Amino acid sequence: MLDLWRHTSPMASLAGYTHSKQKLNEIVKALRDCGTEEIIKLAKIAIIGNQSAGKSSLIEAISQIKVPRAAGTCTRCPMEVILSCADPEIWNCKVSLRIEHCDIPQQRLGTFPFAVTNVKDDVTNILRCAQLAILNPSKDFKSFANLKENECHEHRREMSFSKNTVVLEIIGADVDVTFIDLPGIISSTEKVISTILG
């Protein structure tokens, strides 16, 4: 009787649902990493809005991490955020670079590990460095991994915007969800808009 209750109780159903949802998120992530979206578009949430419309604040509220802030435009390439509550006792963040568009002829395509941390306060600067690495496609992205905040601000950018993606994976989040943050729409510059929208 006790075994029957375990399998039919609301808590057991909830645990099964949570496990299924986590597995689905893992499968979608694996499909996205191997380039499936060249053939079929996978479900995702996109955060789009005007420059300084509050997209970063929304991301911070959902993910519980601080994203880079700067005067003017701070998001210069897409950022994919993958949140998983698989193990609420262990918080871990992995940042990768997904290169799907050649910004220069010799650029390699694929998803490349960039940095890993279990300290939430480190994420802001890791994201800043990862974005800088994408905006400097002719340089080895590993050379950007340990830059300090002031070095990132002072470093030149070969590109103003890129279609390539910074991928942020967090285990130990409050929710299971994947969303994409896109650069803000800058209505005063036609060239920038065409770069963002392709």
Foldseek 3Di string as FASTA:
>chain_A
DVVVCCCPPPVNVVVVVLVVLQVVLVVVVVCVQVPVVVPPDDDAAEDAAAWPPCSQVVVCVQFVAHAADDPTWDDFEKEKEFEGQPDLVAKKKWKWWAADDDPDDVADGGIGTQDIDRDRNVVHQQNLLQQQLVQARVDDSNVSRDDDPVCSVPDDGNHRHAHIYIYMYIYNGPDGHMHMYFIYDDVVDPVSNVRRVD
